[in-house]
N, C-alpha and C. Protein backbone atom coordinates (compact mmCIF):
# COMPACT_ATOMS: atom_id res chain seq x y z
N MET A 1 65.62 99.09 108.07
CA MET A 1 66.39 100.18 107.49
C MET A 1 66.40 100.02 105.98
N LYS A 2 66.33 101.13 105.30
CA LYS A 2 66.42 101.11 103.85
C LYS A 2 67.90 101.15 103.48
N ALA A 3 68.34 100.16 102.69
CA ALA A 3 69.75 100.07 102.33
C ALA A 3 69.89 99.65 100.88
N LYS A 4 70.92 100.17 100.23
CA LYS A 4 71.20 99.82 98.85
C LYS A 4 72.48 98.99 98.81
N PHE A 5 72.39 97.77 98.25
CA PHE A 5 73.56 96.92 98.14
C PHE A 5 74.54 97.58 97.20
N ALA A 6 75.76 97.81 97.66
CA ALA A 6 76.68 98.65 96.92
C ALA A 6 77.85 97.90 96.28
N TYR A 7 78.50 97.01 97.01
CA TYR A 7 79.66 96.32 96.48
C TYR A 7 80.03 95.14 97.35
N VAL A 8 80.94 94.31 96.84
CA VAL A 8 81.48 93.19 97.61
C VAL A 8 82.97 93.41 97.76
N GLY A 9 83.46 93.20 98.95
CA GLY A 9 84.89 93.28 99.22
C GLY A 9 85.44 91.89 99.46
N ILE A 10 86.49 91.53 98.73
CA ILE A 10 87.15 90.25 98.95
C ILE A 10 88.58 90.50 99.42
N ARG A 11 89.06 89.62 100.27
CA ARG A 11 90.44 89.70 100.75
C ARG A 11 91.33 88.95 99.79
N VAL A 12 92.44 89.55 99.42
CA VAL A 12 93.37 88.91 98.48
C VAL A 12 94.74 88.76 99.13
N LYS A 13 95.47 87.71 98.72
CA LYS A 13 96.81 87.44 99.24
C LYS A 13 97.87 88.27 98.55
N ASP A 14 97.71 88.47 97.26
CA ASP A 14 98.72 89.15 96.44
C ASP A 14 98.00 90.20 95.60
N LEU A 15 98.13 91.46 96.00
CA LEU A 15 97.37 92.53 95.35
C LEU A 15 97.77 92.74 93.89
N PRO A 16 99.06 92.86 93.54
CA PRO A 16 99.40 93.07 92.13
C PRO A 16 98.92 91.94 91.21
N THR A 17 99.05 90.71 91.65
CA THR A 17 98.60 89.57 90.84
C THR A 17 97.09 89.58 90.70
N SER A 18 96.38 89.96 91.77
CA SER A 18 94.92 90.01 91.72
C SER A 18 94.45 91.12 90.78
N ILE A 19 95.10 92.27 90.86
CA ILE A 19 94.74 93.38 89.95
C ILE A 19 94.96 92.95 88.51
N GLU A 20 96.08 92.31 88.23
CA GLU A 20 96.37 91.87 86.87
C GLU A 20 95.30 90.88 86.37
N PHE A 21 94.90 89.95 87.23
CA PHE A 21 93.87 88.97 86.86
C PHE A 21 92.58 89.67 86.46
N TYR A 22 92.09 90.54 87.32
CA TYR A 22 90.80 91.18 87.07
C TYR A 22 90.84 92.20 85.93
N THR A 23 91.97 92.87 85.75
CA THR A 23 92.04 93.88 84.69
C THR A 23 92.42 93.29 83.33
N ARG A 24 93.35 92.36 83.32
CA ARG A 24 93.79 91.81 82.02
C ARG A 24 92.85 90.72 81.52
N LEU A 25 92.52 89.76 82.39
CA LEU A 25 91.68 88.65 81.94
C LEU A 25 90.21 89.05 81.84
N LEU A 26 89.70 89.71 82.86
CA LEU A 26 88.27 90.05 82.90
C LEU A 26 87.98 91.47 82.41
N GLU A 27 89.01 92.19 82.03
CA GLU A 27 88.90 93.53 81.47
C GLU A 27 88.18 94.52 82.37
N MET A 28 88.32 94.33 83.68
CA MET A 28 87.77 95.31 84.62
C MET A 28 88.71 96.51 84.66
N LYS A 29 88.20 97.64 85.08
CA LYS A 29 88.97 98.87 85.18
C LYS A 29 89.13 99.25 86.64
N VAL A 30 90.32 99.76 86.98
CA VAL A 30 90.55 100.26 88.33
C VAL A 30 89.84 101.60 88.45
N VAL A 31 88.92 101.69 89.40
CA VAL A 31 88.16 102.93 89.64
C VAL A 31 88.95 103.83 90.58
N ASN A 32 89.48 103.25 91.65
CA ASN A 32 90.32 104.00 92.57
C ASN A 32 91.14 103.04 93.41
N ARG A 33 92.13 103.60 94.07
CA ARG A 33 93.05 102.80 94.88
C ARG A 33 93.53 103.68 96.02
N PHE A 34 93.52 103.14 97.24
CA PHE A 34 93.95 103.93 98.39
C PHE A 34 94.34 103.03 99.54
N THR A 35 95.02 103.61 100.51
CA THR A 35 95.39 102.87 101.71
C THR A 35 94.59 103.41 102.88
N ILE A 36 94.41 102.55 103.87
CA ILE A 36 93.75 102.94 105.11
C ILE A 36 94.72 102.58 106.23
N GLU A 37 95.39 103.59 106.75
CA GLU A 37 96.41 103.36 107.77
C GLU A 37 95.84 102.68 109.02
N LYS A 38 94.60 103.03 109.36
CA LYS A 38 93.99 102.48 110.58
C LYS A 38 93.88 100.96 110.54
N THR A 39 93.65 100.39 109.35
CA THR A 39 93.54 98.93 109.22
C THR A 39 94.80 98.30 108.64
N LYS A 40 95.77 99.15 108.29
CA LYS A 40 97.00 98.71 107.62
C LYS A 40 96.64 97.93 106.36
N GLY A 41 95.71 98.49 105.61
CA GLY A 41 95.23 97.83 104.41
C GLY A 41 95.32 98.70 103.18
N GLU A 42 95.23 98.04 102.05
CA GLU A 42 95.17 98.73 100.77
C GLU A 42 93.94 98.25 100.03
N ILE A 43 93.22 99.18 99.43
CA ILE A 43 91.96 98.90 98.76
C ILE A 43 92.09 99.27 97.29
N VAL A 44 91.59 98.39 96.42
CA VAL A 44 91.49 98.69 95.00
C VAL A 44 90.06 98.36 94.58
N ASN A 45 89.37 99.35 94.02
CA ASN A 45 88.00 99.15 93.53
C ASN A 45 88.04 98.97 92.02
N LEU A 46 87.32 97.95 91.55
CA LEU A 46 87.28 97.60 90.14
C LEU A 46 85.84 97.60 89.64
N GLN A 47 85.67 97.90 88.37
CA GLN A 47 84.35 97.87 87.72
C GLN A 47 84.50 97.27 86.34
N SER A 48 83.48 96.51 85.92
CA SER A 48 83.55 95.92 84.59
C SER A 48 83.09 96.92 83.52
N GLU A 49 82.21 97.81 83.87
CA GLU A 49 81.79 98.88 82.97
C GLU A 49 81.27 100.02 83.82
N SER A 50 81.28 101.20 83.27
CA SER A 50 80.91 102.39 84.02
C SER A 50 79.53 102.25 84.65
N GLY A 51 79.45 102.55 85.93
CA GLY A 51 78.17 102.50 86.63
C GLY A 51 77.76 101.12 87.11
N SER A 52 78.59 100.11 86.83
CA SER A 52 78.21 98.76 87.24
C SER A 52 78.71 98.47 88.65
N PHE A 53 78.39 97.31 89.11
CA PHE A 53 78.74 96.80 90.43
C PHE A 53 80.24 96.92 90.69
N ILE A 54 80.63 97.22 91.91
CA ILE A 54 82.03 97.38 92.30
C ILE A 54 82.54 96.10 92.98
N LEU A 55 83.74 95.69 92.59
CA LEU A 55 84.46 94.63 93.29
C LEU A 55 85.61 95.31 94.01
N GLU A 56 85.64 95.16 95.33
CA GLU A 56 86.69 95.78 96.14
C GLU A 56 87.70 94.72 96.53
N LEU A 57 88.96 94.93 96.17
CA LEU A 57 90.03 94.04 96.58
C LEU A 57 90.65 94.61 97.85
N ASN A 58 90.73 93.80 98.89
CA ASN A 58 91.29 94.22 100.17
C ASN A 58 92.57 93.45 100.44
N TYR A 59 93.65 94.18 100.61
CA TYR A 59 94.93 93.56 100.94
C TYR A 59 95.40 94.15 102.26
N TYR A 60 95.82 93.28 103.19
CA TYR A 60 96.26 93.73 104.50
C TYR A 60 97.73 93.41 104.70
N LYS A 61 98.50 94.39 105.19
CA LYS A 61 99.92 94.21 105.46
C LYS A 61 100.14 93.12 106.51
N ALA A 62 101.36 92.61 106.55
CA ALA A 62 101.69 91.51 107.47
C ALA A 62 101.39 91.85 108.93
N ASP A 63 101.53 93.11 109.33
CA ASP A 63 101.30 93.47 110.72
C ASP A 63 99.88 93.97 111.01
N SER A 64 98.98 93.79 110.04
CA SER A 64 97.58 94.17 110.24
C SER A 64 96.85 93.08 111.02
N PRO A 65 95.97 93.47 111.94
CA PRO A 65 95.18 92.45 112.65
C PRO A 65 94.22 91.71 111.72
N TYR A 66 94.02 92.23 110.51
CA TYR A 66 93.12 91.58 109.54
C TYR A 66 93.86 90.65 108.60
N ASN A 67 95.19 90.60 108.71
CA ASN A 67 95.97 89.68 107.89
C ASN A 67 96.03 88.35 108.63
N THR A 68 94.97 87.58 108.47
CA THR A 68 94.87 86.29 109.11
C THR A 68 95.19 85.20 108.08
N GLU A 69 95.30 83.97 108.54
CA GLU A 69 95.59 82.87 107.62
C GLU A 69 94.56 82.88 106.49
N TYR A 70 95.07 82.76 105.28
CA TYR A 70 94.18 82.78 104.12
C TYR A 70 93.79 81.36 103.78
N ILE A 71 92.50 81.09 103.78
CA ILE A 71 91.97 79.78 103.43
C ILE A 71 91.09 79.96 102.21
N VAL A 72 91.39 79.22 101.15
CA VAL A 72 90.63 79.35 99.90
C VAL A 72 89.15 79.15 100.19
N GLY A 73 88.33 80.04 99.64
CA GLY A 73 86.89 79.98 99.86
C GLY A 73 86.43 80.86 101.00
N GLU A 74 87.36 81.32 101.79
CA GLU A 74 87.01 82.21 102.91
C GLU A 74 87.51 83.62 102.65
N GLY A 75 87.69 83.97 101.38
CA GLY A 75 88.22 85.28 101.03
C GLY A 75 87.20 86.39 101.04
N LEU A 76 85.93 86.06 101.26
CA LEU A 76 84.92 87.12 101.34
C LEU A 76 85.25 87.99 102.54
N ASP A 77 85.50 89.25 102.28
CA ASP A 77 85.86 90.16 103.35
C ASP A 77 84.62 90.78 103.98
N HIS A 78 83.70 91.28 103.15
CA HIS A 78 82.49 91.88 103.68
C HIS A 78 81.53 92.22 102.54
N LEU A 79 80.28 92.46 102.89
CA LEU A 79 79.27 92.98 101.98
C LEU A 79 78.97 94.40 102.43
N ALA A 80 78.80 95.31 101.48
CA ALA A 80 78.62 96.72 101.84
C ALA A 80 77.25 97.23 101.41
N PHE A 81 76.63 97.98 102.31
CA PHE A 81 75.33 98.58 102.06
C PHE A 81 75.39 100.07 102.37
N LYS A 82 74.91 100.88 101.44
CA LYS A 82 74.82 102.32 101.64
C LYS A 82 73.46 102.61 102.28
N VAL A 83 73.49 103.36 103.37
CA VAL A 83 72.26 103.70 104.09
C VAL A 83 72.06 105.21 104.07
N GLU A 84 70.82 105.62 104.26
CA GLU A 84 70.51 107.05 104.24
C GLU A 84 71.08 107.78 105.44
N ASN A 85 71.03 107.15 106.62
CA ASN A 85 71.48 107.78 107.86
C ASN A 85 72.20 106.71 108.67
N LEU A 86 73.52 106.81 108.75
CA LEU A 86 74.31 105.76 109.40
C LEU A 86 73.95 105.59 110.88
N ASP A 87 73.84 106.66 111.62
CA ASP A 87 73.54 106.55 113.04
C ASP A 87 72.18 105.90 113.28
N LYS A 88 71.20 106.29 112.48
CA LYS A 88 69.86 105.71 112.59
C LYS A 88 69.90 104.21 112.23
N ALA A 89 70.65 103.87 111.19
CA ALA A 89 70.77 102.47 110.78
C ALA A 89 71.42 101.63 111.88
N LEU A 90 72.42 102.20 112.55
CA LEU A 90 73.09 101.47 113.63
C LEU A 90 72.16 101.26 114.82
N GLU A 91 71.33 102.25 115.11
CA GLU A 91 70.35 102.10 116.18
C GLU A 91 69.38 100.97 115.85
N GLU A 92 68.93 100.93 114.60
CA GLU A 92 68.00 99.88 114.18
C GLU A 92 68.67 98.51 114.23
N ALA A 93 69.90 98.42 113.77
CA ALA A 93 70.62 97.15 113.81
C ALA A 93 70.77 96.66 115.25
N GLU A 94 71.08 97.58 116.16
CA GLU A 94 71.23 97.20 117.56
C GLU A 94 69.92 96.70 118.15
N ARG A 95 68.79 97.31 117.77
CA ARG A 95 67.49 96.83 118.23
C ARG A 95 67.24 95.39 117.80
N PHE A 96 67.83 95.00 116.65
CA PHE A 96 67.69 93.63 116.15
C PHE A 96 68.79 92.72 116.69
N GLY A 97 69.60 93.24 117.60
CA GLY A 97 70.64 92.42 118.23
C GLY A 97 71.97 92.39 117.49
N HIS A 98 72.19 93.33 116.59
CA HIS A 98 73.44 93.36 115.81
C HIS A 98 74.20 94.64 116.12
N ARG A 99 75.08 94.56 117.11
CA ARG A 99 75.86 95.71 117.54
C ARG A 99 77.04 95.94 116.61
N ALA A 100 77.52 97.16 116.61
CA ALA A 100 78.71 97.51 115.83
C ALA A 100 79.90 96.73 116.39
N ILE A 101 80.67 96.12 115.48
CA ILE A 101 81.86 95.39 115.91
C ILE A 101 83.15 96.12 115.51
N GLN A 102 83.04 97.04 114.58
CA GLN A 102 84.21 97.80 114.14
C GLN A 102 83.73 99.09 113.51
N GLU A 103 84.39 100.18 113.85
CA GLU A 103 84.09 101.46 113.22
C GLU A 103 85.38 102.04 112.70
N VAL A 104 85.34 102.56 111.47
CA VAL A 104 86.52 103.18 110.88
C VAL A 104 86.15 104.60 110.47
N ARG A 105 86.98 105.54 110.90
CA ARG A 105 86.80 106.95 110.51
C ARG A 105 88.09 107.40 109.84
N THR A 106 87.92 108.07 108.72
CA THR A 106 89.06 108.69 108.04
C THR A 106 88.71 110.14 107.79
N GLU A 107 89.60 110.86 107.15
CA GLU A 107 89.33 112.25 106.83
C GLU A 107 88.15 112.37 105.87
N THR A 108 87.92 111.33 105.06
CA THR A 108 86.90 111.42 104.02
C THR A 108 85.65 110.61 104.30
N GLY A 109 85.61 109.86 105.38
CA GLY A 109 84.39 109.09 105.60
C GLY A 109 84.37 108.30 106.89
N ARG A 110 83.28 107.60 107.06
CA ARG A 110 83.05 106.77 108.24
C ARG A 110 82.23 105.57 107.81
N TRP A 111 82.62 104.41 108.27
CA TRP A 111 81.82 103.21 108.02
C TRP A 111 81.90 102.31 109.24
N VAL A 112 80.86 101.50 109.40
CA VAL A 112 80.74 100.66 110.58
C VAL A 112 80.35 99.25 110.14
N TYR A 113 80.93 98.27 110.82
CA TYR A 113 80.63 96.87 110.51
C TYR A 113 79.77 96.26 111.60
N ILE A 114 78.80 95.46 111.17
CA ILE A 114 78.04 94.59 112.05
C ILE A 114 78.22 93.19 111.49
N GLU A 115 77.76 92.18 112.20
CA GLU A 115 77.85 90.81 111.68
C GLU A 115 76.46 90.30 111.36
N ASP A 116 76.37 89.53 110.28
CA ASP A 116 75.11 88.85 110.00
C ASP A 116 75.04 87.62 110.90
N PRO A 117 73.95 86.86 110.89
CA PRO A 117 73.83 85.70 111.77
C PRO A 117 74.88 84.62 111.53
N ASN A 118 75.57 84.68 110.37
CA ASN A 118 76.59 83.67 110.06
C ASN A 118 78.01 84.15 110.34
N GLY A 119 78.13 85.35 110.86
CA GLY A 119 79.45 85.89 111.15
C GLY A 119 80.06 86.68 110.02
N ILE A 120 79.33 86.85 108.91
CA ILE A 120 79.82 87.64 107.78
C ILE A 120 79.72 89.11 108.14
N TRP A 121 80.81 89.84 107.89
CA TRP A 121 80.82 91.26 108.20
C TRP A 121 79.99 92.02 107.17
N ILE A 122 79.14 92.91 107.67
CA ILE A 122 78.29 93.76 106.85
C ILE A 122 78.71 95.21 107.12
N GLU A 123 79.16 95.87 106.06
CA GLU A 123 79.57 97.27 106.20
C GLU A 123 78.37 98.16 105.94
N LEU A 124 78.14 99.10 106.83
CA LEU A 124 77.12 100.13 106.65
C LEU A 124 77.86 101.45 106.52
N TYR A 125 77.51 102.21 105.50
CA TYR A 125 78.15 103.51 105.31
C TYR A 125 77.19 104.51 104.73
């Protein structure tokens, strides 16, 4: 499948403190911020300069199934790849033995996660 590496999502323990770190110290700018009720999460996308790589901060509420014990070094939430045709990409991934493990649909989009051979979640959208 043809895919474009789009951004990295990391899980954070404290969203306001993380935003302050990346914006004040590293001078990144908040591109957008939104909640996803289905995952009980809040997302903040940051960029160091216009058009550059996106860093996605993922924060999950206490009652979210994704709010697991936080272990330093294991904060990588997922890697995201934009594909031309999501359904076709999922068919190809399944042929290679990588079935969808999570699908999220909102009013504005749809994305699906598969796992790489190491258990790292790969978002296809």
